[in-house]
Amino acid sequence: MWPRPVFGRELREGLGRPARVRRLAGSPRSRVWRAELNGADVVIKQVVGGPDAYSRFEREVAALRLAARADPPVAPAVLGVDADRCLLVTEYLAGGAPPEDWVVGYAATLARLHATTTADDVGVLPEWQPPTGDDVGSFLALARALGVSTPVGVSAELDGLLERLARREGRALLHGDPCPGNDLHTADGVRFVDFEQASLGDGLTELAYLHIGFPTCWCVTAVPEALLRRAEQAYRSAWRDATGDEPEGDLVDECVGWLIRGDALVEKAHRGREDHLAGIPGGDWRWGTVSARERLVHRLGVVVRITDGRADLAGLRHLAGRMRGAMLERWPGLRPPPVRRPRTV
């Protein structure tokens, strides 16, 4: 049972005392309540769990204040903070059932969120960290474990990919975990919540979520091709309207980057601890809508499709296709992700 939220003196003097406090769904890393302050509904969130709790709290507050530049809004307004308790108070937003074509509004709002920051905001949030040589090594080791030989030149292709991703200087406000459930479909449009992992980087890193299947999320979904095209067009249009420019970066590279990340096979609490790709040949584990092997098979198929025509990734495309075939032959019971958005709390 969670304790009730405790306001420090500054919050009490500024906002009053919370009434009608009700617990909402949280996680091992946060406690969330709905309450009333002076007759208005609010959300109270306390970041907890682990030595990084304060840094996650700081990131969320900084990201929400940057996002507040958007008009119409893309996130809830910050009403007050208590840094000593890692406590944040925001307006309450009533989310409804997402429409069938939810990814279109999602993508447009994501673009407007990304467009709220510029190069002048460097240092306010951490920079997005691309995959590394260790990720490449783990991915190629998995290919060998599956009995798939690596075509000549693939290592050089992946080194080139890492170099391109590392030199990107995108300054978009990245949500960090833009999953179904962290998007509220309100009467006034989509709003994003839960910014503990926010950073600055290339916005296409998160547009790639729609293609690669929401890689940091429990709810992997295979968005149908027709909706993908509409969502991508909505993203690019909203970005142009907000900035006057075309989005920078390379969507294909971003999708490949998500493929080779073993940490994108497990939830946040288990990332950075071990080589998760190395565990695929010996076992499988379920997280959300699919298992780890099913996640990987889906991503391999996406990369085969999206790299078609890319001469600089031709060897990787061949390797990804053979790895996918080897996995399906070895584990024929693997199922594709759902095409409909799962119900979220």
Protein backbone atom coordinates (compact mmCIF):
# COMPACT_ATOMS: atom_id res chain seq x y z
CA MET A 1 0.00 0.00 0.00
CA TRP A 2 1.42 3.39 -0.99
CA PRO A 3 1.46 6.17 1.60
CA ARG A 4 -0.51 9.30 0.80
CA PRO A 5 1.51 12.07 -0.87
CA VAL A 6 3.07 14.51 1.58
CA PHE A 7 3.44 18.14 0.50
CA GLY A 8 6.28 20.25 1.83
CA ARG A 9 5.64 23.75 3.13
CA GLU A 10 6.23 25.47 -0.22
CA LEU A 11 3.74 23.24 -2.04
CA ARG A 12 1.18 23.58 0.76
CA GLU A 13 1.46 27.36 0.70
CA GLY A 14 1.25 27.50 -3.06
CA LEU A 15 -1.35 24.84 -3.80
CA GLY A 16 -3.03 23.89 -0.54
CA ARG A 17 -3.57 20.41 0.82
CA PRO A 18 -4.68 17.57 -1.50
CA ALA A 19 -8.13 16.12 -0.92
CA ARG A 20 -9.95 13.05 -2.29
CA VAL A 21 -6.62 11.33 -2.98
CA ARG A 22 -6.89 8.20 -5.14
CA ARG A 23 -4.07 5.93 -6.21
CA LEU A 24 -3.46 5.54 -9.96
CA ALA A 25 -1.42 2.93 -11.79
CA GLY A 26 2.29 3.45 -11.28
CA SER A 27 5.43 1.34 -11.44
CA PRO A 28 8.27 0.24 -9.16
CA ARG A 29 9.88 3.56 -10.12
CA SER A 30 7.00 5.95 -9.40
CA ARG A 31 3.90 6.51 -7.30
CA VAL A 32 0.99 8.32 -8.90
CA TRP A 33 -2.20 9.71 -7.39
CA ARG A 34 -5.21 11.67 -8.58
CA ALA A 35 -6.39 14.30 -6.12
CA GLU A 36 -8.26 17.58 -5.77
CA LEU A 37 -6.63 20.91 -4.99
CA ASN A 38 -8.96 23.82 -4.42
CA GLY A 39 -11.69 21.94 -6.26
CA ALA A 40 -9.60 21.13 -9.35
CA ASP A 41 -8.40 17.66 -10.32
CA VAL A 42 -4.62 17.19 -10.39
CA VAL A 43 -2.10 14.39 -10.74
CA ILE A 44 0.58 13.95 -8.09
CA LYS A 45 3.63 11.90 -9.04
CA GLN A 46 6.52 10.90 -6.82
CA VAL A 47 9.60 9.45 -8.48
CA VAL A 48 11.08 6.62 -6.40
CA GLY A 49 13.15 3.47 -6.77
CA GLY A 50 16.92 3.44 -7.07
CA PRO A 51 19.77 5.92 -6.77
CA ASP A 52 18.76 7.63 -10.02
CA ALA A 53 15.35 8.74 -8.71
CA TYR A 54 16.37 12.39 -8.34
CA SER A 55 17.91 12.57 -11.81
CA ARG A 56 14.75 11.04 -13.32
CA PHE A 57 12.66 13.57 -11.43
CA GLU A 58 14.81 16.43 -12.71
CA ARG A 59 14.54 15.15 -16.27
CA GLU A 60 10.77 14.94 -16.08
CA VAL A 61 10.38 18.45 -14.67
CA ALA A 62 12.79 19.94 -17.23
CA ALA A 63 11.09 18.14 -20.13
CA LEU A 64 7.59 19.22 -19.07
CA ARG A 65 8.70 22.83 -18.80
CA LEU A 66 10.25 22.69 -22.26
CA ALA A 67 7.17 20.98 -23.67
CA ALA A 68 5.01 23.78 -22.24
CA ARG A 69 6.19 25.98 -25.11
CA ALA A 70 3.90 24.12 -27.51
CA ASP A 71 0.56 25.64 -28.44
CA PRO A 72 -1.78 23.75 -28.44
CA PRO A 73 -0.29 21.82 -25.51
CA VAL A 74 1.44 18.47 -25.96
CA ALA A 75 1.79 17.60 -22.25
CA PRO A 76 0.13 18.45 -18.93
CA ALA A 77 0.99 21.77 -17.28
CA VAL A 78 3.26 21.73 -14.23
CA LEU A 79 1.52 23.21 -11.20
CA GLY A 80 4.19 22.68 -8.58
CA VAL A 81 7.25 20.65 -7.57
CA ASP A 82 8.87 19.52 -4.34
CA ALA A 83 12.45 18.62 -5.23
CA ASP A 84 13.24 17.33 -1.72
CA ARG A 85 10.54 14.66 -2.09
CA CYS A 86 10.89 14.19 -5.88
CA LEU A 87 7.22 15.17 -6.04
CA LEU A 88 5.54 16.71 -9.07
CA VAL A 89 2.00 18.14 -9.39
CA THR A 90 0.44 18.54 -12.84
CA GLU A 91 -2.99 19.22 -14.25
CA TYR A 92 -5.23 16.19 -14.64
CA LEU A 93 -6.04 15.22 -18.23
CA ALA A 94 -8.93 12.89 -18.98
CA GLY A 95 -7.91 10.43 -21.67
CA GLY A 96 -10.45 8.53 -23.72
CA ALA A 97 -10.36 5.47 -25.96
CA PRO A 98 -7.93 6.00 -28.85
CA PRO A 99 -9.48 5.95 -32.36
CA GLU A 100 -8.65 3.20 -34.84
CA ASP A 101 -6.18 5.51 -36.61
CA TRP A 102 -4.65 6.69 -33.32
CA VAL A 103 -1.10 6.65 -34.70
CA VAL A 104 -1.88 9.63 -36.97
CA GLY A 105 -2.70 12.04 -34.15
CA TYR A 106 0.04 10.47 -32.05
CA ALA A 107 2.66 11.14 -34.73
CA ALA A 108 1.55 14.74 -35.30
CA THR A 109 1.70 15.51 -31.56
CA LEU A 110 5.05 13.74 -31.27
CA ALA A 111 6.44 16.04 -33.97
CA ARG A 112 5.16 19.13 -32.16
CA LEU A 113 6.72 17.86 -28.93
CA HIS A 114 10.04 17.30 -30.68
CA ALA A 115 9.91 20.78 -32.20
CA THR A 116 9.70 22.63 -28.86
CA THR A 117 13.48 22.71 -28.39
CA THR A 118 16.40 24.18 -30.32
CA ALA A 119 20.19 24.29 -30.12
CA ASP A 120 19.80 26.95 -27.42
CA ASP A 121 18.51 24.21 -25.08
CA VAL A 122 21.67 22.10 -25.18
CA GLY A 123 22.56 21.02 -21.66
CA VAL A 124 19.06 21.29 -20.21
CA LEU A 125 18.58 17.54 -20.75
CA PRO A 126 21.03 14.71 -21.45
CA GLU A 127 21.83 13.90 -25.05
CA TRP A 128 20.31 10.79 -26.61
CA GLN A 129 22.80 7.92 -26.63
CA PRO A 130 22.96 5.90 -29.87
CA PRO A 131 23.92 2.21 -30.03
CA THR A 132 27.57 1.32 -29.62
CA GLY A 133 30.16 -1.12 -30.91
CA ASP A 134 29.18 -3.50 -28.11
CA ASP A 135 25.67 -3.64 -29.57
CA VAL A 136 27.08 -4.47 -33.00
CA GLY A 137 29.29 -7.18 -31.52
CA SER A 138 26.37 -8.76 -29.68
CA PHE A 139 24.20 -8.69 -32.78
CA LEU A 140 26.84 -10.38 -34.96
CA ALA A 141 27.51 -12.93 -32.20
CA LEU A 142 23.80 -13.79 -32.19
CA ALA A 143 23.94 -14.39 -35.94
CA ARG A 144 26.76 -16.87 -35.42
CA ALA A 145 24.88 -18.58 -32.59
CA LEU A 146 21.92 -19.00 -34.95
CA GLY A 147 24.21 -20.65 -37.50
CA VAL A 148 24.05 -17.71 -39.90
CA SER A 149 27.28 -16.57 -41.53
CA THR A 150 27.89 -12.84 -41.80
CA PRO A 151 28.24 -11.56 -45.38
CA VAL A 152 31.47 -9.78 -46.22
CA GLY A 153 31.17 -6.09 -45.51
CA VAL A 154 28.42 -6.19 -42.89
CA SER A 155 30.76 -5.17 -40.09
CA ALA A 156 31.81 -2.15 -42.13
CA GLU A 157 28.16 -1.32 -42.86
CA LEU A 158 27.32 -1.39 -39.17
CA ASP A 159 30.40 0.68 -38.30
CA GLY A 160 29.18 3.23 -40.83
CA LEU A 161 25.74 3.16 -39.22
CA LEU A 162 27.22 3.87 -35.78
CA GLU A 163 29.26 6.73 -37.19
CA ARG A 164 26.20 8.31 -38.82
CA LEU A 165 24.08 7.98 -35.69
CA ALA A 166 26.84 9.34 -33.45
CA ARG A 167 27.40 12.48 -35.49
CA ARG A 168 23.75 13.50 -35.58
CA GLU A 169 23.22 16.78 -33.74
CA GLY A 170 19.48 16.70 -33.38
CA ARG A 171 18.08 18.96 -30.70
CA ALA A 172 14.54 17.63 -30.60
CA LEU A 173 12.87 17.10 -27.23
CA LEU A 174 12.65 13.30 -27.10
CA HIS A 175 10.08 11.81 -24.78
CA GLY A 176 12.29 8.79 -24.08
CA ASP A 177 9.47 6.27 -23.78
CA PRO A 178 6.61 7.33 -26.11
CA CYS A 179 4.60 4.16 -25.62
CA PRO A 180 0.88 3.51 -25.89
CA GLY A 181 -0.29 4.41 -22.40
CA ASN A 182 2.06 7.38 -22.13
CA ASP A 183 -0.13 9.11 -24.73
CA LEU A 184 -3.49 10.40 -23.56
CA HIS A 185 -6.15 10.85 -26.22
CA THR A 186 -8.11 13.77 -24.79
CA ALA A 187 -10.99 15.79 -26.19
CA ASP A 188 -8.42 18.46 -27.12
CA GLY A 189 -5.92 16.13 -28.78
CA VAL A 190 -3.06 13.84 -27.82
CA ARG A 191 -0.97 14.68 -24.74
CA PHE A 192 2.15 12.86 -23.58
CA VAL A 193 2.97 12.00 -19.95
CA ASP A 194 5.81 10.28 -18.06
CA PHE A 195 8.99 12.08 -19.17
CA GLU A 196 11.50 10.47 -16.78
CA GLN A 197 13.70 9.34 -19.68
CA ALA A 198 13.52 12.53 -21.76
CA SER A 199 16.58 13.68 -23.70
CA LEU A 200 17.64 15.83 -26.64
CA GLY A 201 18.32 14.14 -29.98
CA ASP A 202 17.01 13.30 -33.43
CA GLY A 203 13.22 13.19 -33.58
CA LEU A 204 13.27 10.35 -36.11
CA THR A 205 14.62 8.15 -33.30
CA GLU A 206 11.08 8.16 -31.91
CA LEU A 207 9.20 8.29 -35.20
CA ALA A 208 10.94 4.93 -35.78
CA TYR A 209 8.83 3.50 -32.92
CA LEU A 210 5.90 3.19 -35.31
CA HIS A 211 7.93 1.10 -37.75
CA ILE A 212 10.02 -1.04 -35.41
CA GLY A 213 7.20 -1.84 -32.99
CA PHE A 214 7.59 0.47 -29.94
CA PRO A 215 10.95 -0.93 -28.84
CA THR A 216 11.05 0.37 -25.25
CA CYS A 217 7.44 -0.62 -24.56
CA TRP A 218 5.56 -3.64 -23.23
CA CYS A 219 2.93 -3.21 -25.93
CA VAL A 220 4.69 -4.09 -29.19
CA THR A 221 2.33 -3.42 -32.08
CA ALA A 222 2.74 -3.94 -35.83
CA VAL A 223 1.14 -0.82 -37.31
CA PRO A 224 -0.47 -1.59 -40.71
CA GLU A 225 1.34 -0.15 -43.72
CA ALA A 226 -1.45 2.24 -44.72
CA LEU A 227 -1.55 3.77 -41.24
CA LEU A 228 2.24 3.96 -41.15
CA ARG A 229 2.24 6.10 -44.29
CA ARG A 230 -0.44 8.42 -42.90
CA ALA A 231 1.34 8.73 -39.55
CA GLU A 232 4.71 9.48 -41.12
CA GLN A 233 3.12 12.12 -43.35
CA ALA A 234 1.39 13.64 -40.30
CA TYR A 235 4.69 13.77 -38.42
CA ARG A 236 6.56 15.45 -41.26
CA SER A 237 3.74 17.93 -41.88
CA ALA A 238 3.50 18.89 -38.21
CA TRP A 239 7.29 19.29 -38.00
CA ARG A 240 7.31 21.56 -41.06
CA ASP A 241 4.47 23.65 -39.64
CA ALA A 242 6.32 24.07 -36.34
CA THR A 243 9.86 24.66 -37.65
CA GLY A 244 9.62 25.62 -41.31
CA ASP A 245 12.10 22.87 -42.19
CA GLU A 246 12.09 19.21 -43.14
CA PRO A 247 12.93 16.70 -40.35
CA GLU A 248 16.62 15.88 -40.23
CA GLY A 249 18.05 12.39 -39.86
CA ASP A 250 17.51 9.02 -41.47
CA LEU A 251 14.52 6.88 -40.49
CA VAL A 252 16.10 3.71 -41.91
CA ASP A 253 19.23 4.17 -39.81
CA GLU A 254 17.12 4.73 -36.70
CA CYS A 255 15.20 1.49 -37.28
CA VAL A 256 18.44 -0.47 -37.69
CA GLY A 257 19.75 1.15 -34.53
CA TRP A 258 16.77 -0.19 -32.59
CA LEU A 259 17.24 -3.67 -34.09
CA ILE A 260 20.76 -4.11 -32.75
CA ARG A 261 20.02 -2.91 -29.21
CA GLY A 262 19.72 -5.90 -26.92
CA ASP A 263 18.45 -3.68 -24.12
CA ALA A 264 15.33 -3.04 -26.20
CA LEU A 265 14.27 -6.63 -25.42
CA VAL A 266 13.70 -5.96 -21.72
CA GLU A 267 11.97 -3.39 -19.54
CA LYS A 268 13.85 -0.40 -18.18
CA ALA A 269 14.77 -1.91 -14.82
CA HIS A 270 16.78 -4.69 -16.53
CA ARG A 271 18.68 -2.59 -19.09
CA GLY A 272 22.40 -2.03 -18.96
CA ARG A 273 23.06 -5.18 -16.94
CA GLU A 274 23.87 -7.91 -19.46
CA ASP A 275 23.93 -8.93 -23.12
CA HIS A 276 20.26 -9.73 -23.72
CA LEU A 277 20.81 -10.74 -27.35
CA ALA A 278 23.10 -13.48 -26.06
CA GLY A 279 20.16 -14.97 -24.17
CA ILE A 280 18.00 -15.49 -27.27
CA PRO A 281 19.42 -18.88 -28.42
CA GLY A 282 19.06 -20.48 -24.99
CA GLY A 283 15.73 -19.16 -23.80
CA ASP A 284 12.79 -16.86 -24.31
CA TRP A 285 10.96 -14.51 -21.99
CA ARG A 286 7.72 -12.63 -22.25
CA TRP A 287 7.30 -8.92 -21.73
CA GLY A 288 3.91 -7.54 -22.60
CA THR A 289 2.26 -8.46 -25.90
CA VAL A 290 5.11 -10.64 -27.26
CA SER A 291 8.14 -12.63 -26.22
CA ALA A 292 11.74 -11.51 -26.69
CA ARG A 293 12.21 -13.80 -29.71
CA GLU A 294 8.98 -12.51 -31.24
CA ARG A 295 10.15 -8.92 -30.75
CA LEU A 296 13.39 -9.69 -32.52
CA VAL A 297 11.79 -11.58 -35.41
CA HIS A 298 9.44 -8.64 -35.97
CA ARG A 299 12.30 -6.14 -35.98
CA LEU A 300 14.35 -8.25 -38.35
CA GLY A 301 11.42 -8.32 -40.76
CA VAL A 302 10.98 -4.54 -40.50
CA VAL A 303 14.66 -3.98 -41.27
CA VAL A 304 14.52 -6.32 -44.27
CA ARG A 305 11.62 -4.28 -45.62
CA ILE A 306 12.85 -0.81 -44.81
CA THR A 307 16.43 -1.29 -46.07
CA ASP A 308 15.27 -2.38 -49.53
CA GLY A 309 17.18 -0.24 -52.03
CA ARG A 310 19.85 0.90 -49.55
CA ALA A 311 23.15 -0.09 -51.12
CA ASP A 312 25.07 0.90 -47.99
CA LEU A 313 23.04 -1.62 -45.94
CA ALA A 314 22.62 -4.38 -48.51
CA GLY A 315 24.71 -6.90 -46.60
CA LEU A 316 22.84 -6.20 -43.38
CA ARG A 317 19.52 -6.65 -45.18
CA HIS A 318 20.67 -10.08 -46.37
CA LEU A 319 21.89 -10.99 -42.88
CA ALA A 320 18.67 -9.84 -41.20
CA GLY A 321 16.58 -11.93 -43.60
CA ARG A 322 18.64 -15.05 -42.95
CA MET A 323 18.56 -14.52 -39.18
CA ARG A 324 14.80 -14.14 -39.27
CA GLY A 325 14.47 -17.30 -41.35
CA ALA A 326 16.73 -19.23 -38.99
CA MET A 327 14.71 -18.16 -35.96
CA LEU A 328 11.39 -19.09 -37.54
CA GLU A 329 12.76 -22.47 -38.59
CA ARG A 330 14.16 -23.19 -35.14
CA TRP A 331 11.10 -21.88 -33.27
CA PRO A 332 8.12 -22.26 -35.62
CA GLY A 333 5.64 -21.31 -32.89
CA LEU A 334 6.74 -17.67 -32.82
CA ARG A 335 3.80 -15.36 -33.49
CA PRO A 336 3.68 -11.86 -35.01
CA PRO A 337 2.77 -8.86 -32.81
CA PRO A 338 -0.85 -7.69 -32.74
CA VAL A 339 -1.83 -5.11 -35.34
CA ARG A 340 -4.33 -3.42 -33.03
CA ARG A 341 -3.24 -1.29 -30.14
CA PRO A 342 -3.60 -3.24 -26.89
CA ARG A 343 -5.74 -1.86 -24.13
CA THR A 344 -3.67 0.22 -21.72
CA VAL A 345 -4.38 1.30 -18.18
